[in-house]
């Protein structure tokens, strides 16, 4: 699909059908995340694929926002493998994981798979529930699947501020 079309038509699906994401499409989506740029190419991202009843039940304990998705990707990063910026106040973990997550989300749209970016959960509680290593920090969850009949973008989805309100030329 044309990139501008992917960006324009992608929306946060909040009602998934029971149709499962095909293994080939999931691999294509995960590969896009693998190819995402990271600071110094450290590739500190960790993607956890939740599809089993057991893992999805654990996810449901910490968020009401799975919306029936049959596949969920938990995007985390290894806190010990990040680039620390000059000055020592920030590191690349969150931004690198967000870049990876964005690649996953756009690749899903390109493959015809619907998604929803989730941040309505306690990352520490999810990490504990899934038994993730202490050196990893969870950033977000990406629900994946196919929209249920009648599902579509929220009413405010197309509402965007003009560039003049969000961009400044210095």
C-alpha atoms as a PDB file:
ATOM      1  CA  UNK A   1       0.000   0.000   0.000  1.00  0.00           C
ATOM      2  CA  UNK A   2       1.154   3.555  -0.637  1.00  0.00           C
ATOM      3  CA  UNK A   3       2.752   4.967   2.552  1.00  0.00           C
ATOM      4  CA  UNK A   4       0.631   8.131   2.642  1.00  0.00           C
ATOM      5  CA  UNK A   5      -2.490   5.962   2.355  1.00  0.00           C
ATOM      6  CA  UNK A   6      -1.312   3.723   5.225  1.00  0.00           C
ATOM      7  CA  UNK A   7      -0.754   6.784   7.424  1.00  0.00           C
ATOM      8  CA  UNK A   8      -4.036   8.427   6.464  1.00  0.00           C
ATOM      9  CA  UNK A   9      -6.262   5.345   6.781  1.00  0.00           C
ATOM     10  CA  UNK A  10      -4.822   3.669   9.891  1.00  0.00           C
ATOM     11  CA  UNK A  11      -6.962   4.089  12.993  1.00  0.00           C
ATOM     12  CA  UNK A  12      -7.135   2.674  16.532  1.00  0.00           C
ATOM     13  CA  UNK A  13      -9.513  -0.290  16.336  1.00  0.00           C
ATOM     14  CA  UNK A  14     -11.526  -0.725  19.510  1.00  0.00           C
ATOM     15  CA  UNK A  15     -13.633  -3.725  18.480  1.00  0.00           C
ATOM     16  CA  UNK A  16     -11.925  -6.791  17.011  1.00  0.00           C
ATOM     17  CA  UNK A  17     -13.513  -9.823  15.375  1.00  0.00           C
ATOM     18  CA  UNK A  18     -12.502 -13.358  16.326  1.00  0.00           C
ATOM     19  CA  UNK A  19     -10.486 -13.755  13.107  1.00  0.00           C
ATOM     20  CA  UNK A  20      -6.860 -14.579  13.918  1.00  0.00           C
ATOM     21  CA  UNK A  21      -3.864 -12.802  12.412  1.00  0.00           C
ATOM     22  CA  UNK A  22      -2.166 -15.123   9.938  1.00  0.00           C
ATOM     23  CA  UNK A  23       1.358 -16.255  10.862  1.00  0.00           C
ATOM     24  CA  UNK A  24       2.810 -14.813   7.639  1.00  0.00           C
ATOM     25  CA  UNK A  25       1.321 -11.388   8.338  1.00  0.00           C
ATOM     26  CA  UNK A  26       2.475 -11.457  11.950  1.00  0.00           C
ATOM     27  CA  UNK A  27       6.010 -12.294  10.815  1.00  0.00           C
ATOM     28  CA  UNK A  28       5.877  -9.412   8.311  1.00  0.00           C
ATOM     29  CA  UNK A  29       4.781  -7.038  11.097  1.00  0.00           C
ATOM     30  CA  UNK A  30       7.467  -8.266  13.500  1.00  0.00           C
ATOM     31  CA  UNK A  31      10.111  -7.949  10.780  1.00  0.00           C
ATOM     32  CA  UNK A  32       9.198  -4.264  10.348  1.00  0.00           C
ATOM     33  CA  UNK A  33       9.834  -3.776  14.068  1.00  0.00           C
ATOM     34  CA  UNK A  34      13.164  -5.574  13.785  1.00  0.00           C
ATOM     35  CA  UNK A  35      14.221  -3.193  11.007  1.00  0.00           C
ATOM     36  CA  UNK A  36      13.283  -0.039  12.935  1.00  0.00           C
ATOM     37  CA  UNK A  37      16.147   2.340  13.695  1.00  0.00           C
ATOM     38  CA  UNK A  38      17.456   2.584  17.250  1.00  0.00           C
ATOM     39  CA  UNK A  39      20.101   4.827  18.796  1.00  0.00           C
ATOM     40  CA  UNK A  40      23.566   3.537  17.943  1.00  0.00           C
ATOM     41  CA  UNK A  41      21.748   0.474  16.488  1.00  0.00           C
ATOM     42  CA  UNK A  42      21.625  -1.028  20.000  1.00  0.00           C
ATOM     43  CA  UNK A  43      18.322  -2.774  19.154  1.00  0.00           C
ATOM     44  CA  UNK A  44      17.266  -2.936  22.795  1.00  0.00           C
ATOM     45  CA  UNK A  45      13.635  -3.652  21.958  1.00  0.00           C
ATOM     46  CA  UNK A  46      11.931  -6.783  23.236  1.00  0.00           C
ATOM     47  CA  UNK A  47       8.637  -7.791  21.650  1.00  0.00           C
ATOM     48  CA  UNK A  48       6.408 -10.305  23.409  1.00  0.00           C
ATOM     49  CA  UNK A  49       3.674 -11.917  21.306  1.00  0.00           C
ATOM     50  CA  UNK A  50       0.600 -12.786  23.357  1.00  0.00           C
ATOM     51  CA  UNK A  51      -1.796 -15.219  21.671  1.00  0.00           C
ATOM     52  CA  UNK A  52      -2.440 -18.032  24.132  1.00  0.00           C
ATOM     53  CA  UNK A  53      -5.522 -17.942  26.352  1.00  0.00           C
ATOM     54  CA  UNK A  54      -3.188 -17.888  29.368  1.00  0.00           C
ATOM     55  CA  UNK A  55      -1.123 -14.892  28.230  1.00  0.00           C
ATOM     56  CA  UNK A  56      -4.180 -12.927  27.072  1.00  0.00           C
ATOM     57  CA  UNK A  57      -5.871 -13.590  30.443  1.00  0.00           C
ATOM     58  CA  UNK A  58      -2.797 -12.135  32.172  1.00  0.00           C
ATOM     59  CA  UNK A  59      -3.053  -9.070  29.955  1.00  0.00           C
ATOM     60  CA  UNK A  60      -6.766  -8.733  30.694  1.00  0.00           C
ATOM     61  CA  UNK A  61      -5.924  -8.537  34.430  1.00  0.00           C
ATOM     62  CA  UNK A  62      -4.030  -5.275  33.907  1.00  0.00           C
ATOM     63  CA  UNK A  63      -6.072  -3.492  31.212  1.00  0.00           C
ATOM     64  CA  UNK A  64      -9.658  -3.429  29.966  1.00  0.00           C
ATOM     65  CA  UNK A  65      -8.417  -2.339  26.541  1.00  0.00           C
ATOM     66  CA  UNK A  66      -7.743  -5.555  24.617  1.00  0.00           C
ATOM     67  CA  UNK A  67     -11.028  -5.010  22.759  1.00  0.00           C
ATOM     68  CA  UNK A  68     -11.184  -8.698  21.810  1.00  0.00           C
ATOM     69  CA  UNK A  69      -7.882  -8.737  19.893  1.00  0.00           C
ATOM     70  CA  UNK A  70      -6.556 -12.281  19.416  1.00  0.00           C
ATOM     71  CA  UNK A  71      -2.933 -11.121  19.224  1.00  0.00           C
ATOM     72  CA  UNK A  72      -1.256  -8.490  21.363  1.00  0.00           C
ATOM     73  CA  UNK A  73       2.342  -7.316  21.165  1.00  0.00           C
ATOM     74  CA  UNK A  74       3.979  -6.079  24.332  1.00  0.00           C
ATOM     75  CA  UNK A  75       6.798  -3.704  23.418  1.00  0.00           C
ATOM     76  CA  UNK A  76       9.542  -3.398  26.011  1.00  0.00           C
ATOM     77  CA  UNK A  77      13.217  -2.510  26.069  1.00  0.00           C
ATOM     78  CA  UNK A  78      16.321  -3.684  27.891  1.00  0.00           C
ATOM     79  CA  UNK A  79      17.260  -0.851  30.256  1.00  0.00           C
ATOM     80  CA  UNK A  80      20.860  -2.109  30.313  1.00  0.00           C
ATOM     81  CA  UNK A  81      21.309  -1.766  26.545  1.00  0.00           C
ATOM     82  CA  UNK A  82      20.307   1.846  25.927  1.00  0.00           C
ATOM     83  CA  UNK A  83      22.327   4.794  24.674  1.00  0.00           C
ATOM     84  CA  UNK A  84      22.722   7.508  27.326  1.00  0.00           C
ATOM     85  CA  UNK A  85      22.644  11.022  25.893  1.00  0.00           C
ATOM     86  CA  UNK A  86      25.370  13.547  26.590  1.00  0.00           C
ATOM     87  CA  UNK A  87      24.617  15.141  29.940  1.00  0.00           C
ATOM     88  CA  UNK A  88      23.370  11.830  31.349  1.00  0.00           C
ATOM     89  CA  UNK A  89      19.771  12.975  31.924  1.00  0.00           C
ATOM     90  CA  UNK A  90      18.071  10.820  29.273  1.00  0.00           C
ATOM     91  CA  UNK A  91      18.524   7.589  27.458  1.00  0.00           C
ATOM     92  CA  UNK A  92      17.170   6.137  24.234  1.00  0.00           C
ATOM     93  CA  UNK A  93      15.013   3.340  25.661  1.00  0.00           C
ATOM     94  CA  UNK A  94      11.563   4.906  25.442  1.00  0.00           C
ATOM     95  CA  UNK A  95      12.119   6.625  22.112  1.00  0.00           C
ATOM     96  CA  UNK A  96      13.654   3.533  20.495  1.00  0.00           C
ATOM     97  CA  UNK A  97      10.801   1.328  21.709  1.00  0.00           C
ATOM     98  CA  UNK A  98       8.312   3.928  20.421  1.00  0.00           C
ATOM     99  CA  UNK A  99       9.984   3.917  16.997  1.00  0.00           C
ATOM    100  CA  UNK A 100       9.785   0.109  16.935  1.00  0.00           C
ATOM    101  CA  UNK A 101       6.135   0.197  18.035  1.00  0.00           C
ATOM    102  CA  UNK A 102       5.286   2.735  15.333  1.00  0.00           C
ATOM    103  CA  UNK A 103       6.912   0.503  12.711  1.00  0.00           C
ATOM    104  CA  UNK A 104       4.847  -2.435  13.998  1.00  0.00           C
ATOM    105  CA  UNK A 105       1.642  -0.399  13.872  1.00  0.00           C
ATOM    106  CA  UNK A 106       2.221   0.928  10.354  1.00  0.00           C
ATOM    107  CA  UNK A 107       3.325  -2.488   9.065  1.00  0.00           C
ATOM    108  CA  UNK A 108       0.106  -3.943  10.455  1.00  0.00           C
ATOM    109  CA  UNK A 109      -1.935  -1.351   8.566  1.00  0.00           C
ATOM    110  CA  UNK A 110       0.061  -2.043   5.415  1.00  0.00           C
ATOM    111  CA  UNK A 111      -0.718  -5.769   5.794  1.00  0.00           C
ATOM    112  CA  UNK A 112      -4.430  -5.083   6.232  1.00  0.00           C
ATOM    113  CA  UNK A 113      -4.310  -5.875   9.960  1.00  0.00           C
ATOM    114  CA  UNK A 114      -6.049  -3.504  12.361  1.00  0.00           C
ATOM    115  CA  UNK A 115      -4.370  -2.335  15.564  1.00  0.00           C
ATOM    116  CA  UNK A 116      -4.743  -0.238  18.670  1.00  0.00           C
ATOM    117  CA  UNK A 117      -1.874   1.369  20.592  1.00  0.00           C
ATOM    118  CA  UNK A 118      -2.490   0.841  24.310  1.00  0.00           C
ATOM    119  CA  UNK A 119      -1.057   2.825  27.174  1.00  0.00           C
ATOM    120  CA  UNK A 120      -3.932   2.396  29.663  1.00  0.00           C
ATOM    121  CA  UNK A 121      -2.174  -0.018  32.012  1.00  0.00           C
ATOM    122  CA  UNK A 122       0.508  -0.109  34.704  1.00  0.00           C
ATOM    123  CA  UNK A 123       3.726  -1.220  32.933  1.00  0.00           C
ATOM    124  CA  UNK A 124       5.260  -2.618  36.133  1.00  0.00           C
ATOM    125  CA  UNK A 125       2.131  -4.642  36.888  1.00  0.00           C
ATOM    126  CA  UNK A 126       2.117  -6.084  33.347  1.00  0.00           C
ATOM    127  CA  UNK A 127       5.821  -6.952  33.516  1.00  0.00           C
ATOM    128  CA  UNK A 128       5.229  -8.747  36.815  1.00  0.00           C
ATOM    129  CA  UNK A 129       2.156 -10.576  35.493  1.00  0.00           C
ATOM    130  CA  UNK A 130       4.090 -11.800  32.434  1.00  0.00           C
ATOM    131  CA  UNK A 131       7.224 -12.614  34.430  1.00  0.00           C
ATOM    132  CA  UNK A 132       9.480 -10.336  32.391  1.00  0.00           C
ATOM    133  CA  UNK A 133      13.109  -9.798  33.457  1.00  0.00           C
ATOM    134  CA  UNK A 134      13.745  -6.920  35.868  1.00  0.00           C
ATOM    135  CA  UNK A 135      16.087  -5.233  33.379  1.00  0.00           C
ATOM    136  CA  UNK A 136      13.219  -4.745  30.911  1.00  0.00           C
ATOM    137  CA  UNK A 137      10.759  -1.868  30.907  1.00  0.00           C
ATOM    138  CA  UNK A 138       7.388  -2.184  29.183  1.00  0.00           C
ATOM    139  CA  UNK A 139       6.453   0.775  26.994  1.00  0.00           C
ATOM    140  CA  UNK A 140       3.167  -0.150  25.342  1.00  0.00           C
ATOM    141  CA  UNK A 141       0.845  -2.850  24.036  1.00  0.00           C
ATOM    142  CA  UNK A 142      -0.262  -3.152  20.415  1.00  0.00           C
ATOM    143  CA  UNK A 143      -3.549  -4.982  19.896  1.00  0.00           C
ATOM    144  CA  UNK A 144      -3.641  -6.741  16.517  1.00  0.00           C
ATOM    145  CA  UNK A 145      -6.491  -8.333  14.614  1.00  0.00           C
ATOM    146  CA  UNK A 146      -9.326  -7.625  12.259  1.00  0.00           C
ATOM    147  CA  UNK A 147     -12.068  -5.105  12.944  1.00  0.00           C
ATOM    148  CA  UNK A 148     -15.443  -6.520  13.908  1.00  0.00           C
ATOM    149  CA  UNK A 149     -18.351  -5.761  11.622  1.00  0.00           C
ATOM    150  CA  UNK A 150     -19.404  -2.151  12.088  1.00  0.00           C
ATOM    151  CA  UNK A 151     -16.156  -1.113  13.795  1.00  0.00           C
ATOM    152  CA  UNK A 152     -14.375   1.992  12.609  1.00  0.00           C
ATOM    153  CA  UNK A 153     -12.491   5.072  13.713  1.00  0.00           C
ATOM    154  CA  UNK A 154     -13.717   7.148  16.627  1.00  0.00           C
ATOM    155  CA  UNK A 155     -15.604  10.310  15.696  1.00  0.00           C
ATOM    156  CA  UNK A 156     -12.599  12.543  16.467  1.00  0.00           C
ATOM    157  CA  UNK A 157     -10.096  10.421  14.498  1.00  0.00           C
ATOM    158  CA  UNK A 158      -9.907  12.789  11.524  1.00  0.00           C
ATOM    159  CA  UNK A 159      -9.606  15.907  13.648  1.00  0.00           C
ATOM    160  CA  UNK A 160      -6.098  17.308  13.201  1.00  0.00           C
ATOM    161  CA  UNK A 161      -4.640  20.682  14.052  1.00  0.00           C
ATOM    162  CA  UNK A 162      -3.231  22.646  11.124  1.00  0.00           C
ATOM    163  CA  UNK A 163       0.538  22.518  10.636  1.00  0.00           C
ATOM    164  CA  UNK A 164       0.727  26.173  11.690  1.00  0.00           C
ATOM    165  CA  UNK A 165      -0.265  25.104  15.234  1.00  0.00           C
ATOM    166  CA  UNK A 166       2.227  22.258  15.527  1.00  0.00           C
ATOM    167  CA  UNK A 167       5.243  23.318  13.448  1.00  0.00           C
ATOM    168  CA  UNK A 168       7.489  26.348  13.830  1.00  0.00           C
ATOM    169  CA  UNK A 169      10.227  27.394  11.428  1.00  0.00           C
ATOM    170  CA  UNK A 170      13.125  28.966  13.317  1.00  0.00           C
END
